[in-house]
């Protein structure tokens, strides 16, 4: 069988000080002398079940070095390629200059400590997403590096991605033939629900599919795919079983209200089939392979799914459980590798 491509492996910054070689003297002094010591990635206490068993930590961090990622996921699964998604939350930084500086430093750190050390990894560009024009500049700065295949967009934002303020960002993604990676999370400061802040992380976690739905609606109806016709978007850690029912309703309502959005050339479900893919984990369905397989059939094509482990998050106990045994034989090769190879323009090993 051709090589396995993992579309969602999280690499993590081991410490804020690891970015000092990539920051100016001004920002090194600022971090050393101010209360800012790095970003936070959640307003809730850490969930103890979110980390896979047997993953070794360094300074309390999983996936903090390429050596650990080799030992924990690359080698055990025999991966041909892993796409790294560093969800260092620069969107929590309100100082616009510091946000840009930290995003640049993260990307330079990824190049030196990950992309130049391991030929089996590719990476996503971390962006100052609060400032779309600055995000576009960062894509132009590093987007030509062969190791970067994706621009990382946190799913939760201060405003939906369909807004025209984001056009410079999507233009840069398309210009460099990158994928837009819509990633679970984001901390722009506004609540994750339309009714305000929930009390518990489980409410945000289970409700994140609604955030992905809102972003897809915005991107489609505001004409992002019409304006940028070669744009590709991957939903990372979104789940996928919610998509068929969402698209049935979206198509129906769009047909009744389409005069509001005359620039749309297709029904919403067709935009999704042409422009959107979703990662396999977390599998948001029952522990029943036959029923999950039916959900995949409802997507309309196995091409919609990209294999992922979502390392180091806990969706299974051991690495050998990452590949579902229930995957239909006619789907296995596509989902485990070929879909991602085509989507991310990845050359086959040895070519």
C-alpha atoms as a PDB file:
ATOM      1  CA  UNK A   1       0.000   0.000   0.000  1.00  0.00           C
ATOM      2  CA  UNK A   2       1.311   3.527  -0.746  1.00  0.00           C
ATOM      3  CA  UNK A   3       2.638   5.592   2.151  1.00  0.00           C
ATOM      4  CA  UNK A   4       0.396   6.976   4.875  1.00  0.00           C
ATOM      5  CA  UNK A   5       0.039  10.759   5.090  1.00  0.00           C
ATOM      6  CA  UNK A   6      -1.087  12.225   8.399  1.00  0.00           C
ATOM      7  CA  UNK A   7      -2.799  15.579   7.788  1.00  0.00           C
ATOM      8  CA  UNK A   8      -2.883  16.698  11.428  1.00  0.00           C
ATOM      9  CA  UNK A   9       0.086  16.346  13.772  1.00  0.00           C
ATOM     10  CA  UNK A  10       0.570  19.037  16.392  1.00  0.00           C
ATOM     11  CA  UNK A  11       4.063  20.315  17.062  1.00  0.00           C
ATOM     12  CA  UNK A  12       4.399  22.543  20.096  1.00  0.00           C
ATOM     13  CA  UNK A  13       6.718  25.256  21.298  1.00  0.00           C
ATOM     14  CA  UNK A  14       8.678  23.854  24.266  1.00  0.00           C
ATOM     15  CA  UNK A  15       9.114  27.303  25.850  1.00  0.00           C
ATOM     16  CA  UNK A  16       8.717  30.945  24.859  1.00  0.00           C
ATOM     17  CA  UNK A  17      12.485  31.338  25.193  1.00  0.00           C
ATOM     18  CA  UNK A  18      12.888  28.990  22.206  1.00  0.00           C
ATOM     19  CA  UNK A  19      11.763  31.933  20.044  1.00  0.00           C
ATOM     20  CA  UNK A  20      14.419  34.337  21.326  1.00  0.00           C
ATOM     21  CA  UNK A  21      16.872  33.599  18.462  1.00  0.00           C
ATOM     22  CA  UNK A  22      14.172  34.747  16.018  1.00  0.00           C
ATOM     23  CA  UNK A  23      13.061  37.881  17.888  1.00  0.00           C
ATOM     24  CA  UNK A  24      14.644  41.322  17.928  1.00  0.00           C
ATOM     25  CA  UNK A  25      16.427  42.609  21.038  1.00  0.00           C
ATOM     26  CA  UNK A  26      13.399  44.800  21.723  1.00  0.00           C
ATOM     27  CA  UNK A  27      10.986  41.869  21.920  1.00  0.00           C
ATOM     28  CA  UNK A  28      13.413  39.686  23.889  1.00  0.00           C
ATOM     29  CA  UNK A  29      13.693  42.451  26.477  1.00  0.00           C
ATOM     30  CA  UNK A  30       9.942  43.019  26.457  1.00  0.00           C
ATOM     31  CA  UNK A  31       9.199  39.344  27.135  1.00  0.00           C
ATOM     32  CA  UNK A  32      11.892  39.082  29.794  1.00  0.00           C
ATOM     33  CA  UNK A  33      10.781  42.181  31.707  1.00  0.00           C
ATOM     34  CA  UNK A  34       7.004  42.278  31.216  1.00  0.00           C
ATOM     35  CA  UNK A  35       4.206  40.059  32.451  1.00  0.00           C
ATOM     36  CA  UNK A  36       3.891  38.522  28.972  1.00  0.00           C
ATOM     37  CA  UNK A  37       5.558  35.113  29.064  1.00  0.00           C
ATOM     38  CA  UNK A  38       3.778  33.450  26.161  1.00  0.00           C
ATOM     39  CA  UNK A  39       0.261  32.772  24.981  1.00  0.00           C
ATOM     40  CA  UNK A  40      -2.519  30.694  26.472  1.00  0.00           C
ATOM     41  CA  UNK A  41      -4.465  28.279  24.291  1.00  0.00           C
ATOM     42  CA  UNK A  42      -7.658  27.891  26.330  1.00  0.00           C
ATOM     43  CA  UNK A  43      -9.681  29.848  28.911  1.00  0.00           C
ATOM     44  CA  UNK A  44     -10.540  26.565  30.639  1.00  0.00           C
ATOM     45  CA  UNK A  45      -8.461  24.235  32.842  1.00  0.00           C
ATOM     46  CA  UNK A  46      -6.605  21.547  30.888  1.00  0.00           C
ATOM     47  CA  UNK A  47      -8.686  18.446  30.234  1.00  0.00           C
ATOM     48  CA  UNK A  48      -6.803  15.420  31.611  1.00  0.00           C
ATOM     49  CA  UNK A  49      -8.147  13.090  28.903  1.00  0.00           C
ATOM     50  CA  UNK A  50      -6.931  15.244  26.021  1.00  0.00           C
ATOM     51  CA  UNK A  51      -3.440  13.707  25.953  1.00  0.00           C
ATOM     52  CA  UNK A  52      -2.845  10.272  24.510  1.00  0.00           C
ATOM     53  CA  UNK A  53      -1.360   7.717  26.941  1.00  0.00           C
ATOM     54  CA  UNK A  54       2.315   6.835  26.562  1.00  0.00           C
ATOM     55  CA  UNK A  55       3.184  10.192  24.955  1.00  0.00           C
ATOM     56  CA  UNK A  56       6.295  11.451  26.703  1.00  0.00           C
ATOM     57  CA  UNK A  57       6.370  15.065  27.846  1.00  0.00           C
ATOM     58  CA  UNK A  58       9.274  17.473  27.888  1.00  0.00           C
ATOM     59  CA  UNK A  59       8.778  20.383  30.294  1.00  0.00           C
ATOM     60  CA  UNK A  60       5.092  19.462  30.328  1.00  0.00           C
ATOM     61  CA  UNK A  61       4.820  19.690  26.534  1.00  0.00           C
ATOM     62  CA  UNK A  62       3.915  16.946  24.056  1.00  0.00           C
ATOM     63  CA  UNK A  63       5.365  17.176  20.562  1.00  0.00           C
ATOM     64  CA  UNK A  64       7.940  19.782  21.575  1.00  0.00           C
ATOM     65  CA  UNK A  65      10.742  18.448  19.388  1.00  0.00           C
ATOM     66  CA  UNK A  66      11.145  16.613  16.113  1.00  0.00           C
ATOM     67  CA  UNK A  67      12.858  13.787  18.008  1.00  0.00           C
ATOM     68  CA  UNK A  68       9.741  13.205  20.119  1.00  0.00           C
ATOM     69  CA  UNK A  69       7.414  13.394  17.125  1.00  0.00           C
ATOM     70  CA  UNK A  70       9.587  10.829  15.326  1.00  0.00           C
ATOM     71  CA  UNK A  71       9.383   8.463  18.292  1.00  0.00           C
ATOM     72  CA  UNK A  72       5.696   9.000  19.072  1.00  0.00           C
ATOM     73  CA  UNK A  73       4.024   9.143  15.663  1.00  0.00           C
ATOM     74  CA  UNK A  74       6.294   9.198  12.576  1.00  0.00           C
ATOM     75  CA  UNK A  75       8.121   5.933  13.225  1.00  0.00           C
ATOM     76  CA  UNK A  76       5.378   3.868  14.957  1.00  0.00           C
ATOM     77  CA  UNK A  77       2.965   4.440  12.060  1.00  0.00           C
ATOM     78  CA  UNK A  78       5.612   4.409   9.353  1.00  0.00           C
ATOM     79  CA  UNK A  79       4.313   7.714   8.045  1.00  0.00           C
ATOM     80  CA  UNK A  80       5.503   8.895   4.672  1.00  0.00           C
ATOM     81  CA  UNK A  81       4.559  12.499   5.476  1.00  0.00           C
ATOM     82  CA  UNK A  82       3.092  14.330   8.468  1.00  0.00           C
ATOM     83  CA  UNK A  83       1.651  17.825   8.180  1.00  0.00           C
ATOM     84  CA  UNK A  84       2.462  19.838  11.283  1.00  0.00           C
ATOM     85  CA  UNK A  85      -0.111  22.229  12.719  1.00  0.00           C
ATOM     86  CA  UNK A  86       1.379  24.402  15.435  1.00  0.00           C
ATOM     87  CA  UNK A  87      -1.588  25.989  17.172  1.00  0.00           C
ATOM     88  CA  UNK A  88       0.451  28.554  19.089  1.00  0.00           C
ATOM     89  CA  UNK A  89      -2.298  31.077  19.750  1.00  0.00           C
ATOM     90  CA  UNK A  90      -0.852  34.349  18.506  1.00  0.00           C
ATOM     91  CA  UNK A  91      -4.469  35.478  18.047  1.00  0.00           C
ATOM     92  CA  UNK A  92      -4.615  35.981  21.837  1.00  0.00           C
ATOM     93  CA  UNK A  93      -2.029  38.775  21.615  1.00  0.00           C
ATOM     94  CA  UNK A  94      -3.672  42.197  21.489  1.00  0.00           C
ATOM     95  CA  UNK A  95      -0.448  44.107  20.817  1.00  0.00           C
ATOM     96  CA  UNK A  96      -0.468  44.084  16.990  1.00  0.00           C
ATOM     97  CA  UNK A  97       3.300  44.450  16.616  1.00  0.00           C
ATOM     98  CA  UNK A  98       4.014  41.648  19.058  1.00  0.00           C
ATOM     99  CA  UNK A  99       1.452  39.415  17.331  1.00  0.00           C
ATOM    100  CA  UNK A 100       3.299  39.838  14.025  1.00  0.00           C
ATOM    101  CA  UNK A 101       6.725  39.332  15.637  1.00  0.00           C
ATOM    102  CA  UNK A 102       5.639  36.129  17.398  1.00  0.00           C
ATOM    103  CA  UNK A 103       4.060  34.674  14.259  1.00  0.00           C
ATOM    104  CA  UNK A 104       7.249  35.351  12.278  1.00  0.00           C
ATOM    105  CA  UNK A 105       9.385  33.827  15.016  1.00  0.00           C
ATOM    106  CA  UNK A 106       7.228  30.681  15.203  1.00  0.00           C
ATOM    107  CA  UNK A 107       7.557  30.146  11.461  1.00  0.00           C
ATOM    108  CA  UNK A 108      11.328  30.663  11.482  1.00  0.00           C
ATOM    109  CA  UNK A 109      11.560  28.234  14.414  1.00  0.00           C
ATOM    110  CA  UNK A 110       9.529  25.679  12.461  1.00  0.00           C
ATOM    111  CA  UNK A 111      11.846  25.995   9.467  1.00  0.00           C
ATOM    112  CA  UNK A 112      15.042  25.499  11.464  1.00  0.00           C
ATOM    113  CA  UNK A 113      13.945  22.932  14.040  1.00  0.00           C
ATOM    114  CA  UNK A 114      11.421  20.911  12.046  1.00  0.00           C
ATOM    115  CA  UNK A 115      11.436  21.342   8.291  1.00  0.00           C
ATOM    116  CA  UNK A 116      15.206  21.354   7.892  1.00  0.00           C
ATOM    117  CA  UNK A 117      15.676  18.411  10.251  1.00  0.00           C
ATOM    118  CA  UNK A 118      13.131  15.892   8.955  1.00  0.00           C
ATOM    119  CA  UNK A 119      12.209  15.302   5.293  1.00  0.00           C
ATOM    120  CA  UNK A 120       8.996  13.514   6.281  1.00  0.00           C
ATOM    121  CA  UNK A 121       7.301  16.631   7.662  1.00  0.00           C
ATOM    122  CA  UNK A 122       5.553  19.592   6.101  1.00  0.00           C
ATOM    123  CA  UNK A 123       4.065  22.455   8.090  1.00  0.00           C
ATOM    124  CA  UNK A 124       1.393  25.121   8.349  1.00  0.00           C
ATOM    125  CA  UNK A 125       2.223  28.821   8.506  1.00  0.00           C
ATOM    126  CA  UNK A 126       1.207  30.481  11.776  1.00  0.00           C
ATOM    127  CA  UNK A 127      -0.427  33.846  11.058  1.00  0.00           C
ATOM    128  CA  UNK A 128      -1.295  37.108  12.858  1.00  0.00           C
ATOM    129  CA  UNK A 129      -4.903  36.451  11.948  1.00  0.00           C
ATOM    130  CA  UNK A 130      -6.261  39.592  13.614  1.00  0.00           C
ATOM    131  CA  UNK A 131      -4.486  41.559  10.864  1.00  0.00           C
ATOM    132  CA  UNK A 132      -5.277  40.019   7.460  1.00  0.00           C
ATOM    133  CA  UNK A 133      -2.902  42.286   5.516  1.00  0.00           C
ATOM    134  CA  UNK A 134      -0.029  41.416   7.862  1.00  0.00           C
ATOM    135  CA  UNK A 135      -1.006  37.748   7.593  1.00  0.00           C
ATOM    136  CA  UNK A 136      -0.736  38.055   3.803  1.00  0.00           C
ATOM    137  CA  UNK A 137       2.746  39.578   4.178  1.00  0.00           C
ATOM    138  CA  UNK A 138       3.818  36.647   6.330  1.00  0.00           C
ATOM    139  CA  UNK A 139       2.545  34.189   3.720  1.00  0.00           C
ATOM    140  CA  UNK A 140       4.524  36.066   1.067  1.00  0.00           C
ATOM    141  CA  UNK A 141       7.621  35.981   3.308  1.00  0.00           C
ATOM    142  CA  UNK A 142       7.734  32.213   3.891  1.00  0.00           C
ATOM    143  CA  UNK A 143       5.132  30.757   1.525  1.00  0.00           C
ATOM    144  CA  UNK A 144       7.689  29.790  -1.101  1.00  0.00           C
ATOM    145  CA  UNK A 145       9.498  27.464   1.322  1.00  0.00           C
ATOM    146  CA  UNK A 146       8.861  23.931   0.086  1.00  0.00           C
ATOM    147  CA  UNK A 147       8.100  22.736   3.619  1.00  0.00           C
ATOM    148  CA  UNK A 148       5.054  24.945   4.058  1.00  0.00           C
ATOM    149  CA  UNK A 149       1.917  23.530   2.446  1.00  0.00           C
ATOM    150  CA  UNK A 150      -0.817  25.208   4.463  1.00  0.00           C
ATOM    151  CA  UNK A 151      -1.784  28.489   6.147  1.00  0.00           C
ATOM    152  CA  UNK A 152      -3.352  27.945   9.565  1.00  0.00           C
ATOM    153  CA  UNK A 153      -6.631  29.756  10.285  1.00  0.00           C
ATOM    154  CA  UNK A 154      -8.165  29.317  13.764  1.00  0.00           C
ATOM    155  CA  UNK A 155     -11.864  28.510  13.442  1.00  0.00           C
ATOM    156  CA  UNK A 156     -12.940  31.050  16.037  1.00  0.00           C
ATOM    157  CA  UNK A 157     -12.351  34.596  14.904  1.00  0.00           C
ATOM    158  CA  UNK A 158     -13.576  38.093  15.706  1.00  0.00           C
ATOM    159  CA  UNK A 159     -15.484  38.108  12.418  1.00  0.00           C
ATOM    160  CA  UNK A 160     -16.304  35.379   9.867  1.00  0.00           C
ATOM    161  CA  UNK A 161     -13.716  34.593   7.195  1.00  0.00           C
ATOM    162  CA  UNK A 162     -16.100  35.470   4.390  1.00  0.00           C
ATOM    163  CA  UNK A 163     -15.759  39.175   5.228  1.00  0.00           C
ATOM    164  CA  UNK A 164     -13.924  41.192   2.604  1.00  0.00           C
ATOM    165  CA  UNK A 165     -11.267  42.257   5.098  1.00  0.00           C
ATOM    166  CA  UNK A 166      -9.827  38.734   4.720  1.00  0.00           C
ATOM    167  CA  UNK A 167      -9.471  38.938   0.930  1.00  0.00           C
ATOM    168  CA  UNK A 168      -5.738  39.837   1.094  1.00  0.00           C
ATOM    169  CA  UNK A 169      -5.175  36.717   3.203  1.00  0.00           C
ATOM    170  CA  UNK A 170      -6.964  34.392   0.796  1.00  0.00           C
ATOM    171  CA  UNK A 171      -5.291  36.044  -2.186  1.00  0.00           C
ATOM    172  CA  UNK A 172      -1.887  35.253  -0.667  1.00  0.00           C
ATOM    173  CA  UNK A 173      -2.888  31.655   0.094  1.00  0.00           C
ATOM    174  CA  UNK A 174      -4.035  31.178  -3.490  1.00  0.00           C
ATOM    175  CA  UNK A 175      -0.986  32.980  -4.887  1.00  0.00           C
ATOM    176  CA  UNK A 176       1.355  30.508  -3.177  1.00  0.00           C
ATOM    177  CA  UNK A 177      -0.828  27.470  -3.982  1.00  0.00           C
ATOM    178  CA  UNK A 178      -1.252  26.686  -0.285  1.00  0.00           C
ATOM    179  CA  UNK A 179      -4.197  25.106   1.505  1.00  0.00           C
ATOM    180  CA  UNK A 180      -6.182  27.158   4.017  1.00  0.00           C
ATOM    181  CA  UNK A 181      -6.300  25.050   7.179  1.00  0.00           C
ATOM    182  CA  UNK A 182      -9.381  25.918   9.253  1.00  0.00           C
ATOM    183  CA  UNK A 183      -8.295  24.630  12.653  1.00  0.00           C
ATOM    184  CA  UNK A 184     -10.204  23.765  15.818  1.00  0.00           C
ATOM    185  CA  UNK A 185      -9.930  26.556  18.385  1.00  0.00           C
ATOM    186  CA  UNK A 186      -9.046  30.207  18.312  1.00  0.00           C
ATOM    187  CA  UNK A 187      -9.253  32.792  21.091  1.00  0.00           C
ATOM    188  CA  UNK A 188     -10.239  36.158  19.652  1.00  0.00           C
ATOM    189  CA  UNK A 189     -11.878  37.237  22.913  1.00  0.00           C
ATOM    190  CA  UNK A 190     -15.498  36.774  21.855  1.00  0.00           C
ATOM    191  CA  UNK A 191     -17.685  33.852  23.049  1.00  0.00           C
ATOM    192  CA  UNK A 192     -17.709  30.583  21.076  1.00  0.00           C
ATOM    193  CA  UNK A 193     -21.524  30.522  20.979  1.00  0.00           C
ATOM    194  CA  UNK A 194     -24.150  32.981  19.725  1.00  0.00           C
ATOM    195  CA  UNK A 195     -25.639  33.036  23.232  1.00  0.00           C
ATOM    196  CA  UNK A 196     -22.526  33.963  25.181  1.00  0.00           C
ATOM    197  CA  UNK A 197     -19.922  32.097  27.197  1.00  0.00           C
ATOM    198  CA  UNK A 198     -20.552  28.493  28.271  1.00  0.00           C
ATOM    199  CA  UNK A 199     -19.547  27.325  31.725  1.00  0.00           C
ATOM    200  CA  UNK A 200     -17.515  24.266  30.786  1.00  0.00           C
ATOM    201  CA  UNK A 201     -14.998  23.236  28.177  1.00  0.00           C
ATOM    202  CA  UNK A 202     -17.152  20.265  27.141  1.00  0.00           C
ATOM    203  CA  UNK A 203     -19.757  22.763  25.872  1.00  0.00           C
ATOM    204  CA  UNK A 204     -17.212  24.519  23.703  1.00  0.00           C
ATOM    205  CA  UNK A 205     -15.628  21.280  22.529  1.00  0.00           C
ATOM    206  CA  UNK A 206     -18.909  19.619  21.510  1.00  0.00           C
ATOM    207  CA  UNK A 207     -20.204  22.853  20.002  1.00  0.00           C
ATOM    208  CA  UNK A 208     -17.168  23.597  17.849  1.00  0.00           C
ATOM    209  CA  UNK A 209     -18.881  22.007  14.827  1.00  0.00           C
ATOM    210  CA  UNK A 210     -21.235  24.996  14.878  1.00  0.00           C
ATOM    211  CA  UNK A 211     -18.231  27.313  14.506  1.00  0.00           C
ATOM    212  CA  UNK A 212     -17.006  25.369  11.477  1.00  0.00           C
ATOM    213  CA  UNK A 213     -20.507  25.512   9.998  1.00  0.00           C
ATOM    214  CA  UNK A 214     -20.664  29.276  10.468  1.00  0.00           C
ATOM    215  CA  UNK A 215     -17.291  29.771   8.804  1.00  0.00           C
ATOM    216  CA  UNK A 216     -18.198  27.536   5.842  1.00  0.00           C
ATOM    217  CA  UNK A 217     -21.471  29.413   5.366  1.00  0.00           C
ATOM    218  CA  UNK A 218     -19.678  32.745   5.461  1.00  0.00           C
ATOM    219  CA  UNK A 219     -16.925  31.707   3.054  1.00  0.00           C
ATOM    220  CA  UNK A 220     -19.413  30.259   0.559  1.00  0.00           C
ATOM    221  CA  UNK A 221     -22.197  32.844   0.527  1.00  0.00           C
ATOM    222  CA  UNK A 222     -19.864  35.857   0.656  1.00  0.00           C
ATOM    223  CA  UNK A 223     -18.198  34.572  -2.492  1.00  0.00           C
ATOM    224  CA  UNK A 224     -14.686  33.684  -1.335  1.00  0.00           C
ATOM    225  CA  UNK A 225     -14.522  30.612  -3.572  1.00  0.00           C
ATOM    226  CA  UNK A 226     -15.977  32.610  -6.472  1.00  0.00           C
ATOM    227  CA  UNK A 227     -13.321  35.288  -6.053  1.00  0.00           C
ATOM    228  CA  UNK A 228     -10.505  32.773  -5.450  1.00  0.00           C
ATOM    229  CA  UNK A 229     -11.529  29.785  -7.604  1.00  0.00           C
ATOM    230  CA  UNK A 230      -8.439  27.666  -6.925  1.00  0.00           C
ATOM    231  CA  UNK A 231      -8.609  28.073  -3.143  1.00  0.00           C
ATOM    232  CA  UNK A 232      -8.565  24.818  -1.147  1.00  0.00           C
ATOM    233  CA  UNK A 233      -9.679  24.566   2.490  1.00  0.00           C
ATOM    234  CA  UNK A 234      -9.192  21.771   5.015  1.00  0.00           C
ATOM    235  CA  UNK A 235     -11.293  21.557   8.174  1.00  0.00           C
ATOM    236  CA  UNK A 236      -8.897  20.304  10.851  1.00  0.00           C
ATOM    237  CA  UNK A 237     -10.341  18.537  13.908  1.00  0.00           C
ATOM    238  CA  UNK A 238     -13.863  19.516  12.902  1.00  0.00           C
ATOM    239  CA  UNK A 239     -15.357  16.049  12.801  1.00  0.00           C
ATOM    240  CA  UNK A 240     -17.251  15.156   9.644  1.00  0.00           C
ATOM    241  CA  UNK A 241     -20.509  13.353  10.446  1.00  0.00           C
ATOM    242  CA  UNK A 242     -22.311  16.702  10.886  1.00  0.00           C
ATOM    243  CA  UNK A 243     -21.584  17.776   7.315  1.00  0.00           C
ATOM    244  CA  UNK A 244     -24.248  15.889   5.281  1.00  0.00           C
ATOM    245  CA  UNK A 245     -27.218  17.124   7.335  1.00  0.00           C
ATOM    246  CA  UNK A 246     -25.790  20.638   7.427  1.00  0.00           C
ATOM    247  CA  UNK A 247     -25.417  20.697   3.643  1.00  0.00           C
ATOM    248  CA  UNK A 248     -28.936  19.349   3.076  1.00  0.00           C
ATOM    249  CA  UNK A 249     -30.365  22.283   5.020  1.00  0.00           C
ATOM    250  CA  UNK A 250     -27.872  24.788   3.593  1.00  0.00           C
ATOM    251  CA  UNK A 251     -28.713  23.798  -0.003  1.00  0.00           C
ATOM    252  CA  UNK A 252     -32.463  23.965   0.651  1.00  0.00           C
ATOM    253  CA  UNK A 253     -32.364  27.405   2.283  1.00  0.00           C
ATOM    254  CA  UNK A 254     -29.872  28.753  -0.257  1.00  0.00           C
ATOM    255  CA  UNK A 255     -32.226  27.861  -3.113  1.00  0.00           C
ATOM    256  CA  UNK A 256     -34.949  29.976  -1.527  1.00  0.00           C
ATOM    257  CA  UNK A 257     -32.690  32.941  -0.730  1.00  0.00           C
ATOM    258  CA  UNK A 258     -30.038  32.826  -3.451  1.00  0.00           C
ATOM    259  CA  UNK A 259     -31.035  36.220  -4.882  1.00  0.00           C
ATOM    260  CA  UNK A 260     -29.146  37.716  -1.912  1.00  0.00           C
ATOM    261  CA  UNK A 261     -25.910  36.201  -3.209  1.00  0.00           C
ATOM    262  CA  UNK A 262     -26.063  36.344  -7.017  1.00  0.00           C
ATOM    263  CA  UNK A 263     -22.297  35.848  -7.321  1.00  0.00           C
ATOM    264  CA  UNK A 264     -22.634  32.214  -6.225  1.00  0.00           C
ATOM    265  CA  UNK A 265     -22.264  29.866  -9.179  1.00  0.00           C
ATOM    266  CA  UNK A 266     -23.177  26.582  -7.453  1.00  0.00           C
ATOM    267  CA  UNK A 267     -25.271  25.214  -4.627  1.00  0.00           C
ATOM    268  CA  UNK A 268     -23.322  25.200  -1.315  1.00  0.00           C
ATOM    269  CA  UNK A 269     -22.744  21.439  -1.340  1.00  0.00           C
ATOM    270  CA  UNK A 270     -21.003  21.715  -4.706  1.00  0.00           C
ATOM    271  CA  UNK A 271     -18.610  24.354  -3.346  1.00  0.00           C
ATOM    272  CA  UNK A 272     -17.789  22.026  -0.478  1.00  0.00           C
ATOM    273  CA  UNK A 273     -17.139  19.060  -2.787  1.00  0.00           C
ATOM    274  CA  UNK A 274     -14.851  21.173  -4.970  1.00  0.00           C
ATOM    275  CA  UNK A 275     -13.012  23.217  -2.366  1.00  0.00           C
ATOM    276  CA  UNK A 276     -13.201  21.543   1.069  1.00  0.00           C
ATOM    277  CA  UNK A 277     -11.714  18.472   2.761  1.00  0.00           C
ATOM    278  CA  UNK A 278     -11.958  17.242   6.363  1.00  0.00           C
ATOM    279  CA  UNK A 279      -9.569  15.318   8.587  1.00  0.00           C
ATOM    280  CA  UNK A 280     -10.555  11.921   9.953  1.00  0.00           C
ATOM    281  CA  UNK A 281      -9.984  12.571  13.671  1.00  0.00           C
ATOM    282  CA  UNK A 282     -11.827  13.127  15.874  1.00  0.00           C
ATOM    283  CA  UNK A 283     -14.376  10.658  14.560  1.00  0.00           C
ATOM    284  CA  UNK A 284     -17.595  12.233  15.826  1.00  0.00           C
ATOM    285  CA  UNK A 285     -19.845   9.206  15.724  1.00  0.00           C
ATOM    286  CA  UNK A 286     -20.767   5.947  17.432  1.00  0.00           C
ATOM    287  CA  UNK A 287     -18.270   3.182  18.046  1.00  0.00           C
ATOM    288  CA  UNK A 288     -19.721   1.294  15.114  1.00  0.00           C
ATOM    289  CA  UNK A 289     -17.654   1.033  11.947  1.00  0.00           C
ATOM    290  CA  UNK A 290     -20.620   0.232   9.709  1.00  0.00           C
ATOM    291  CA  UNK A 291     -22.493   3.353  10.779  1.00  0.00           C
ATOM    292  CA  UNK A 292     -19.400   5.548  10.388  1.00  0.00           C
ATOM    293  CA  UNK A 293     -18.880   4.079   6.938  1.00  0.00           C
ATOM    294  CA  UNK A 294     -22.452   5.075   6.064  1.00  0.00           C
ATOM    295  CA  UNK A 295     -21.660   8.621   7.186  1.00  0.00           C
ATOM    296  CA  UNK A 296     -18.680   8.612   4.830  1.00  0.00           C
ATOM    297  CA  UNK A 297     -20.962   7.465   2.025  1.00  0.00           C
ATOM    298  CA  UNK A 298     -23.283  10.381   2.782  1.00  0.00           C
ATOM    299  CA  UNK A 299     -20.414  12.791   2.142  1.00  0.00           C
ATOM    300  CA  UNK A 300     -20.720  11.726  -1.482  1.00  0.00           C
ATOM    301  CA  UNK A 301     -17.109  10.708  -2.000  1.00  0.00           C
ATOM    302  CA  UNK A 302     -14.233   9.221   0.032  1.00  0.00           C
ATOM    303  CA  UNK A 303     -12.090  11.991  -1.491  1.00  0.00           C
ATOM    304  CA  UNK A 304     -13.557  14.327   1.134  1.00  0.00           C
ATOM    305  CA  UNK A 305     -11.585  12.736   3.995  1.00  0.00           C
ATOM    306  CA  UNK A 306      -7.900  13.002   4.886  1.00  0.00           C
ATOM    307  CA  UNK A 307      -6.289  10.573   7.317  1.00  0.00           C
ATOM    308  CA  UNK A 308      -5.134  12.136  10.573  1.00  0.00           C
ATOM    309  CA  UNK A 309      -4.109  11.104  14.056  1.00  0.00           C
ATOM    310  CA  UNK A 310      -4.557  14.541  15.661  1.00  0.00           C
ATOM    311  CA  UNK A 311      -1.403  13.747  17.653  1.00  0.00           C
ATOM    312  CA  UNK A 312      -1.049  14.070  20.631  1.00  0.00           C
ATOM    313  CA  UNK A 313      -4.790  14.212  21.405  1.00  0.00           C
ATOM    314  CA  UNK A 314      -6.475  11.117  22.772  1.00  0.00           C
ATOM    315  CA  UNK A 315      -8.742   9.454  20.234  1.00  0.00           C
ATOM    316  CA  UNK A 316      -7.276   5.972  20.755  1.00  0.00           C
ATOM    317  CA  UNK A 317      -4.924   4.288  23.201  1.00  0.00           C
ATOM    318  CA  UNK A 318      -2.045   3.089  20.995  1.00  0.00           C
ATOM    319  CA  UNK A 319      -0.601   4.219  17.642  1.00  0.00           C
ATOM    320  CA  UNK A 320      -1.598   0.969  15.929  1.00  0.00           C
ATOM    321  CA  UNK A 321      -5.260   1.864  16.584  1.00  0.00           C
ATOM    322  CA  UNK A 322      -4.988   5.061  14.507  1.00  0.00           C
ATOM    323  CA  UNK A 323      -5.940   3.316  11.262  1.00  0.00           C
ATOM    324  CA  UNK A 324      -9.598   2.255  11.476  1.00  0.00           C
ATOM    325  CA  UNK A 325     -10.062  -1.434  10.693  1.00  0.00           C
ATOM    326  CA  UNK A 326     -13.560  -0.701   9.377  1.00  0.00           C
ATOM    327  CA  UNK A 327     -12.399   1.435   6.449  1.00  0.00           C
ATOM    328  CA  UNK A 328     -13.777  -0.056   3.260  1.00  0.00           C
ATOM    329  CA  UNK A 329     -11.029  -1.600   1.141  1.00  0.00           C
ATOM    330  CA  UNK A 330     -11.967   0.562  -1.832  1.00  0.00           C
ATOM    331  CA  UNK A 331     -11.537   3.678   0.343  1.00  0.00           C
ATOM    332  CA  UNK A 332      -8.408   2.817   2.306  1.00  0.00           C
ATOM    333  CA  UNK A 333      -5.744   3.892  -0.162  1.00  0.00           C
ATOM    334  CA  UNK A 334      -7.490   7.193  -0.904  1.00  0.00           C
ATOM    335  CA  UNK A 335      -8.173   8.173   2.707  1.00  0.00           C
ATOM    336  CA  UNK A 336      -4.856   6.993   4.142  1.00  0.00           C
ATOM    337  CA  UNK A 337      -2.677   8.841   1.675  1.00  0.00           C
ATOM    338  CA  UNK A 338      -3.703   9.636  -1.857  1.00  0.00           C
ATOM    339  CA  UNK A 339      -6.344  12.231  -0.963  1.00  0.00           C
ATOM    340  CA  UNK A 340      -3.825  14.275   1.014  1.00  0.00           C
ATOM    341  CA  UNK A 341      -1.123  13.761  -1.625  1.00  0.00           C
ATOM    342  CA  UNK A 342      -3.370  15.286  -4.270  1.00  0.00           C
ATOM    343  CA  UNK A 343      -4.862  17.988  -2.048  1.00  0.00           C
ATOM    344  CA  UNK A 344      -1.509  19.240  -0.720  1.00  0.00           C
ATOM    345  CA  UNK A 345       0.391  18.754  -4.006  1.00  0.00           C
ATOM    346  CA  UNK A 346       2.798  16.319  -2.341  1.00  0.00           C
ATOM    347  CA  UNK A 347       5.274  14.496  -4.548  1.00  0.00           C
ATOM    348  CA  UNK A 348       5.571  10.752  -4.066  1.00  0.00           C
ATOM    349  CA  UNK A 349       8.572   9.534  -2.113  1.00  0.00           C
ATOM    350  CA  UNK A 350      11.646   9.388  -4.292  1.00  0.00           C
ATOM    351  CA  UNK A 351      10.301  11.752  -6.980  1.00  0.00           C
END
